[in-house]
Amino acid sequence: MTLTILRAYIGPHREIDADTELLSLGLTDGHKECIAAEIEDACGVEISEDQARAWRTVGDLLGVGA
């Protein structure tokens, strides 16, 4: 589910792996906060703004909704 949400922001065809940096995908802190809100709704987890802003890689983000 989290990967589906991420793909909505970066597009379906960009190559990513767990080590891909979110900044290299063009994701700002604002994007991260929006993604966090969608993960919260979809996965029933709580993510603070500070946690979302601390995400640096795709692996950081994917570990939350797993």
Protein backbone atom coordinates (compact mmCIF):
# COMPACT_ATOMS: atom_id res chain seq x y z
CA MET A 1 0.00 0.00 0.00
CA THR A 2 2.76 2.46 0.89
CA LEU A 3 4.51 1.79 -2.40
CA THR A 4 1.26 2.53 -4.25
CA ILE A 5 0.98 5.86 -2.42
CA LEU A 6 4.62 6.68 -3.20
CA ARG A 7 4.12 5.83 -6.87
CA ALA A 8 1.27 8.35 -7.04
CA TYR A 9 3.79 11.07 -6.19
CA ILE A 10 6.77 9.99 -8.28
CA GLY A 11 5.13 8.23 -11.22
CA PRO A 12 4.89 4.55 -12.04
CA HIS A 13 7.98 4.20 -14.23
CA ARG A 14 10.82 5.64 -12.16
CA GLU A 15 13.27 3.06 -10.89
CA ILE A 16 13.56 2.98 -7.13
CA ASP A 17 14.96 0.70 -4.49
CA ALA A 18 15.20 0.95 -0.72
CA ASP A 19 18.36 3.08 -0.92
CA THR A 20 16.90 5.66 -3.31
CA GLU A 21 16.93 9.08 -1.67
CA LEU A 22 13.56 10.80 -1.54
CA LEU A 23 15.13 14.15 -2.40
CA SER A 24 16.44 12.68 -5.64
CA LEU A 25 12.81 11.83 -6.47
CA GLY A 26 11.81 15.47 -5.93
CA LEU A 27 9.95 14.86 -2.67
CA THR A 28 9.98 17.86 -0.34
CA ASP A 29 9.01 17.92 3.34
CA GLY A 30 5.53 18.95 2.20
CA HIS A 31 5.28 15.89 -0.04
CA LYS A 32 6.48 13.67 2.80
CA GLU A 33 3.78 15.06 5.11
CA CYS A 34 1.09 14.40 2.48
CA ILE A 35 2.38 10.87 1.96
CA ALA A 36 2.41 10.36 5.75
CA ALA A 37 -1.25 11.42 5.97
CA GLU A 38 -2.19 8.95 3.23
CA ILE A 39 -0.25 6.14 4.93
CA GLU A 40 -1.98 6.96 8.22
CA ASP A 41 -5.39 6.69 6.56
CA ALA A 42 -4.58 3.53 4.61
CA CYS A 43 -2.59 1.62 7.23
CA GLY A 44 -3.98 2.89 10.53
CA VAL A 45 -0.65 4.09 11.87
CA GLU A 46 0.30 7.43 13.40
CA ILE A 47 3.17 9.39 11.89
CA SER A 48 4.31 12.72 13.33
CA GLU A 49 5.45 15.58 11.10
CA ASP A 50 8.95 15.17 12.54
CA GLN A 51 8.98 11.47 11.65
CA ALA A 52 7.83 12.19 8.10
CA ARG A 53 10.42 14.93 7.63
CA ALA A 54 13.15 12.57 8.86
CA TRP A 55 12.54 10.12 6.01
CA ARG A 56 15.55 10.19 3.70
CA THR A 57 15.23 7.05 1.61
CA VAL A 58 12.48 4.95 0.07
CA GLY A 59 13.36 2.28 2.64
CA ASP A 60 12.59 4.70 5.50
CA LEU A 61 9.17 5.38 4.06
CA LEU A 62 8.33 1.77 3.18
CA GLY A 63 9.19 0.56 6.67
CA VAL A 64 6.35 2.61 8.14
CA GLY A 65 3.36 1.11 6.37
CA ALA A 66 4.62 -2.46 6.36
